[in-house]
Every structure is written in C-alpha cells, then in structure tokens.
C-alpha cells in the first residue's frame, strides 16, 4: 500500500513539475535553441530528484566513455525514464522522435524549437531519407543524436525488436555510436502508474567507431546492448 501511495504522489508531482517547466520554457521561443535544451536538462534533473519520493534512485556507469563532439547514441528503451534522464548526460543532445509528438501544444512546439529530428513512421523509405538528412544537419552542429533502436518502449526482459534505421544512420553519418544499456523498465513499468522502489542502472558501453559494415554493426550493437541490459536486470533482481 505504501508503494501505491508513493507512486501516486510522484505522478502528481511529475505532472505538476512538467507543467511548471513548460511555463518556464516559454521565453526560450525567442532565444537560440540551446536555451530550451538547458531547460530540458533542468526538467530531467528535477524528475530524477522527484523519483526519490517513489524510492527510485539511479546510477550511471561509464560516463567517461562518452566522446566529445558529434555522435549517435543508441539506447535501450524500456520506460519514460530515459526520455528525460539521458538529457543531462550530453552537452548538446537531440532526440529522434515520432512526428506526432510535435503536434502536442507547447510541448511539441518546444521540441521543434530544440531542433528534435522528427520521423514520419508511415512514410517508410522517404522517412528514413528525411531523417538521415536532418540528422546530418544536427550532427554538423556537434550534437549527440539519441535514438531508441527498437522504436518504442519494450518491457524489461522482452524479446528485442531492433529496427534497421540505426544501422542506416551509422553508415550514412560517419560518426561514433555509443550504445547504452539500462534496466529502467523494472522500476517504471510501461503503461502503468506504479513505480517500484530501487536503483535504475545505466551503463554507457564502449563507442563503436565508424567504418564497420552495416550488418556487422547492427548485430554488434544489438548483442552489446542486450547482453549488458540482461546483466543489469539480473543485478537489480538479485538485490531486490
């Protein structure tokens, strides 16, 4: 019962905080795009503090493996947690997002202001080409392009379903790819208001340098993320 109460309190605080940060972000419409990124990072840090209400902490391993400059960040996606918690890890982050998210009033407009890279998932090859071109523009600015290779949230321990778009980006852009494994789905289950006390583990893996064959890269990326993710899930379960 206590965990249910703590979950409800956190959810209320989370949405109130998000509304407040959206208001704070409004003046950034008239500033360079980096201004909204700094607000977004502050929002992410605030959420990480608020999660302590639900008994959830986090640990990031391997921060020193993140190279400076432009790169692709391929992260496991199990919950909403990583959509804000990864922001403070990077200097100039940019997410690849569903185009529909940019239609949300204020929130979506701020995503446009932050130069997020939209994907029209119904357009297939045209969408892939458009995403690649936009990604190239943002990488030329020295940004860190964050992509969830499975395209959507997958429960912790679920069979992986990686999409080939990440390999296309890797081959086309010629920058390192940093894989990220995590176990957030154990503590922030998808499609649930329940929050489970514990420590979210995040591991930044060794960068994959450009130049590999697309198929080789794709298999290596999936193997490294899934192996590390399985290890982080097992570690968390052994503690709880």
Protein backbone atom coordinates (compact mmCIF):
# COMPACT_ATOMS: atom_id res chain seq x y z
CA UNK A 1 0.00 0.00 0.00
CA UNK A 2 2.84 2.38 0.83
CA UNK A 3 4.35 1.91 -2.64
CA UNK A 4 0.98 2.72 -4.23
CA UNK A 5 0.74 5.97 -2.27
CA UNK A 6 4.33 6.90 -3.11
CA UNK A 7 3.68 6.18 -6.79
CA UNK A 8 0.59 8.39 -6.83
CA UNK A 9 2.40 11.23 -5.06
CA UNK A 10 5.29 11.02 -7.51
CA UNK A 11 2.98 11.01 -10.54
CA UNK A 12 1.18 14.11 -9.30
CA UNK A 13 4.47 15.90 -8.64
CA UNK A 14 5.87 14.78 -12.01
CA UNK A 15 2.99 16.28 -13.99
CA UNK A 16 2.91 19.45 -11.91
CA UNK A 17 6.65 19.85 -12.36
CA UNK A 18 6.37 19.23 -16.11
CA UNK A 19 3.65 21.89 -16.39
CA UNK A 20 5.80 24.35 -14.45
CA UNK A 21 8.86 23.70 -16.60
CA UNK A 22 6.77 24.17 -19.76
CA UNK A 23 5.82 27.62 -18.50
CA UNK A 24 9.44 28.40 -17.63
CA UNK A 25 10.44 27.28 -21.12
CA UNK A 26 8.10 29.65 -22.98
CA UNK A 27 10.61 32.55 -23.21
CA UNK A 28 13.07 30.25 -24.99
CA UNK A 29 10.96 30.62 -28.14
CA UNK A 30 12.79 33.95 -28.55
CA UNK A 31 16.26 32.62 -27.74
CA UNK A 32 18.77 30.33 -29.53
CA UNK A 33 17.81 26.64 -29.47
CA UNK A 34 20.43 25.84 -26.81
CA UNK A 35 18.26 27.69 -24.28
CA UNK A 36 15.45 25.15 -24.48
CA UNK A 37 18.00 22.33 -24.15
CA UNK A 38 19.20 23.75 -20.85
CA UNK A 39 15.61 23.97 -19.60
CA UNK A 40 15.00 20.38 -20.73
CA UNK A 41 18.10 19.21 -18.85
CA UNK A 42 16.90 21.01 -15.73
CA UNK A 43 13.50 19.32 -16.12
CA UNK A 44 15.26 15.97 -16.37
CA UNK A 45 17.34 16.60 -13.24
CA UNK A 46 14.21 17.70 -11.36
CA UNK A 47 12.44 14.46 -12.28
CA UNK A 48 15.37 12.41 -11.06
CA UNK A 49 15.13 14.13 -7.68
CA UNK A 50 11.33 13.72 -7.55
CA UNK A 51 11.68 10.00 -8.18
CA UNK A 52 13.14 9.64 -4.70
CA UNK A 53 9.58 10.18 -3.46
CA UNK A 54 8.80 6.82 -5.07
CA UNK A 55 12.01 5.31 -3.68
CA UNK A 56 13.80 5.29 -7.03
CA UNK A 57 17.43 6.33 -7.42
CA UNK A 58 19.81 5.83 -10.35
CA UNK A 59 23.42 5.03 -11.14
CA UNK A 60 25.23 5.80 -14.39
CA UNK A 61 28.30 3.74 -15.20
CA UNK A 62 30.85 4.56 -17.89
CA UNK A 63 30.21 8.29 -18.29
CA UNK A 64 33.88 8.68 -19.19
CA UNK A 65 33.31 6.59 -22.32
CA UNK A 66 31.22 9.34 -23.93
CA UNK A 67 33.43 11.07 -26.53
CA UNK A 68 33.13 14.77 -27.19
CA UNK A 69 31.60 16.11 -30.36
CA UNK A 70 29.00 14.64 -32.72
CA UNK A 71 27.91 11.05 -32.20
CA UNK A 72 24.98 8.67 -32.35
CA UNK A 73 23.65 7.41 -29.02
CA UNK A 74 21.73 4.12 -29.32
CA UNK A 75 19.88 3.50 -26.06
CA UNK A 76 17.67 0.71 -24.78
CA UNK A 77 14.09 1.95 -24.32
CA UNK A 78 12.03 0.37 -21.53
CA UNK A 79 10.17 3.31 -19.99
CA UNK A 80 9.59 7.06 -19.98
CA UNK A 81 12.55 7.37 -17.61
CA UNK A 82 15.21 7.54 -20.31
CA UNK A 83 13.34 10.22 -22.27
CA UNK A 84 14.36 12.77 -19.65
CA UNK A 85 17.13 11.09 -17.63
CA UNK A 86 19.55 10.82 -20.57
CA UNK A 87 19.40 14.53 -21.37
CA UNK A 88 21.83 15.73 -18.67
CA UNK A 89 24.46 13.23 -19.79
CA UNK A 90 25.17 15.10 -23.01
CA UNK A 91 26.30 18.59 -23.95
CA UNK A 92 24.06 19.16 -26.98
CA UNK A 93 21.56 16.30 -27.21
CA UNK A 94 18.93 15.83 -29.90
CA UNK A 95 16.32 13.07 -29.95
CA UNK A 96 14.87 11.28 -32.92
CA UNK A 97 11.14 11.45 -32.18
CA UNK A 98 7.79 10.46 -33.64
CA UNK A 99 6.49 13.30 -35.79
CA UNK A 100 3.16 13.20 -33.92
CA UNK A 101 4.83 14.38 -30.70
CA UNK A 102 5.50 17.72 -32.34
CA UNK A 103 1.77 18.28 -32.73
CA UNK A 104 1.26 18.48 -28.94
CA UNK A 105 0.61 22.13 -27.96
CA UNK A 106 3.56 23.85 -26.26
CA UNK A 107 5.45 20.59 -25.60
CA UNK A 108 5.65 19.77 -29.31
CA UNK A 109 6.43 23.34 -30.26
CA UNK A 110 9.30 23.36 -27.82
CA UNK A 111 10.58 20.13 -29.38
CA UNK A 112 10.59 21.90 -32.73
CA UNK A 113 12.45 24.83 -31.16
CA UNK A 114 15.01 22.36 -29.77
CA UNK A 115 15.50 21.06 -33.33
CA UNK A 116 14.48 17.49 -32.49
CA UNK A 117 14.57 15.17 -35.53
CA UNK A 118 11.03 14.02 -36.45
CA UNK A 119 10.22 10.70 -38.12
CA UNK A 120 7.05 10.01 -40.09
CA UNK A 121 6.83 6.28 -39.42
CA UNK A 122 4.20 5.81 -42.10
CA UNK A 123 6.41 7.11 -44.92
CA UNK A 124 9.00 4.27 -44.69
CA UNK A 125 11.92 4.85 -47.08
CA UNK A 126 11.09 8.52 -47.56
CA UNK A 127 11.01 8.95 -43.79
CA UNK A 128 14.37 7.23 -43.45
CA UNK A 129 15.95 9.52 -46.04
CA UNK A 130 14.44 12.64 -44.48
CA UNK A 131 15.59 11.56 -41.01
CA UNK A 132 19.11 10.93 -42.29
CA UNK A 133 19.34 14.37 -43.89
CA UNK A 134 18.04 16.15 -40.77
CA UNK A 135 20.37 14.09 -38.58
CA UNK A 136 23.31 15.14 -40.75
CA UNK A 137 22.46 18.81 -40.23
CA UNK A 138 22.28 18.39 -36.44
CA UNK A 139 25.46 16.32 -36.25
CA UNK A 140 27.24 19.05 -38.20
CA UNK A 141 26.40 21.30 -35.24
CA UNK A 142 28.34 18.93 -32.98
CA UNK A 143 25.21 17.40 -31.44
CA UNK A 144 24.65 13.99 -29.83
CA UNK A 145 21.87 12.21 -31.69
CA UNK A 146 19.85 9.96 -29.34
CA UNK A 147 17.90 7.14 -30.96
CA UNK A 148 15.99 4.22 -29.47
CA UNK A 149 16.79 1.44 -31.98
CA UNK A 150 13.63 -0.53 -31.19
CA UNK A 151 11.50 2.49 -31.98
CA UNK A 152 9.24 2.08 -28.95
CA UNK A 153 9.32 1.00 -25.32
CA UNK A 154 9.83 -2.71 -24.65
CA UNK A 155 9.26 -4.26 -21.21
CA UNK A 156 12.33 -5.31 -19.24
CA UNK A 157 13.31 -8.80 -20.37
CA UNK A 158 11.12 -8.75 -23.50
CA UNK A 159 12.45 -10.15 -26.77
CA UNK A 160 14.32 -7.34 -28.58
CA UNK A 161 12.93 -5.90 -31.80
CA UNK A 162 15.61 -3.69 -33.28
CA UNK A 163 14.86 -1.72 -36.43
CA UNK A 164 17.44 -1.25 -39.16
CA UNK A 165 17.21 2.55 -39.19
CA UNK A 166 20.03 2.86 -36.64
CA UNK A 167 22.36 0.94 -38.98
CA UNK A 168 21.38 3.19 -41.87
CA UNK A 169 22.21 6.26 -39.77
CA UNK A 170 25.52 4.78 -38.63
CA UNK A 171 26.61 4.05 -42.21
CA UNK A 172 25.45 7.39 -43.57
CA UNK A 173 26.74 9.77 -40.91
CA UNK A 174 30.30 8.56 -40.26
CA UNK A 175 30.38 9.30 -36.51
CA UNK A 176 30.90 7.01 -33.50
CA UNK A 177 27.90 5.22 -32.00
CA UNK A 178 27.66 4.96 -28.21
CA UNK A 179 25.43 2.07 -27.02
CA UNK A 180 23.57 2.49 -23.73
CA UNK A 181 22.08 -0.36 -21.69
CA UNK A 182 19.66 0.13 -18.80
CA UNK A 183 17.04 -1.58 -16.64
CA UNK A 184 14.55 1.26 -16.07
CA UNK A 185 11.57 -0.91 -17.00
CA UNK A 186 11.89 -2.77 -13.71
CA UNK A 187 11.10 0.41 -11.79
CA UNK A 188 8.94 2.42 -14.22
CA UNK A 189 6.77 -0.21 -15.99
CA UNK A 190 5.27 0.90 -19.30
CA UNK A 191 1.56 1.74 -19.31
CA UNK A 192 1.37 1.71 -15.54
CA UNK A 193 1.13 4.37 -12.82
CA UNK A 194 3.04 2.07 -10.49
CA UNK A 195 6.62 2.92 -9.58
CA UNK A 196 8.82 0.26 -7.97
CA UNK A 197 11.48 1.31 -5.44
CA UNK A 198 15.07 0.52 -6.38
CA UNK A 199 18.05 1.83 -8.35
CA UNK A 200 17.91 2.27 -12.10
CA UNK A 201 21.22 1.12 -13.56
CA UNK A 202 22.52 2.74 -16.73
CA UNK A 203 25.70 1.62 -18.47
CA UNK A 204 27.46 3.56 -21.22
CA UNK A 205 29.26 0.98 -23.35
CA UNK A 206 32.39 1.36 -25.47
CA UNK A 207 31.81 3.52 -28.56
CA UNK A 208 31.56 1.69 -31.87
CA UNK A 209 33.79 3.57 -34.27
CA UNK A 210 32.58 4.39 -37.80
CA UNK A 211 33.57 2.23 -40.74
CA UNK A 212 32.00 -1.15 -39.97
CA UNK A 213 29.78 -2.92 -42.46
CA UNK A 214 26.12 -2.07 -41.73
CA UNK A 215 25.12 -5.65 -40.99
CA UNK A 216 28.16 -6.22 -38.77
CA UNK A 217 27.41 -3.02 -36.88
CA UNK A 218 23.73 -3.91 -36.47
CA UNK A 219 24.48 -7.32 -34.99
CA UNK A 220 27.26 -5.97 -32.75
CA UNK A 221 25.08 -3.14 -31.45
CA UNK A 222 22.20 -5.43 -30.56
CA UNK A 223 24.48 -8.01 -28.96
CA UNK A 224 26.28 -5.43 -26.80
CA UNK A 225 23.14 -3.60 -25.64
CA UNK A 226 21.15 -6.76 -24.96
CA UNK A 227 23.99 -8.53 -23.15
CA UNK A 228 24.62 -5.56 -20.89
CA UNK A 229 20.90 -4.97 -20.33
CA UNK A 230 20.36 -8.58 -19.29
CA UNK A 231 23.24 -8.26 -16.84
CA UNK A 232 21.81 -5.05 -15.34
CA UNK A 233 18.36 -6.62 -14.98
CA UNK A 234 19.84 -9.68 -13.27
CA UNK A 235 21.88 -7.47 -10.94
CA UNK A 236 18.83 -5.48 -9.88
CA UNK A 237 16.75 -8.61 -9.31
CA UNK A 238 19.49 -10.14 -7.17
CA UNK A 239 19.35 -7.11 -4.85
CA UNK A 240 15.56 -6.84 -4.57
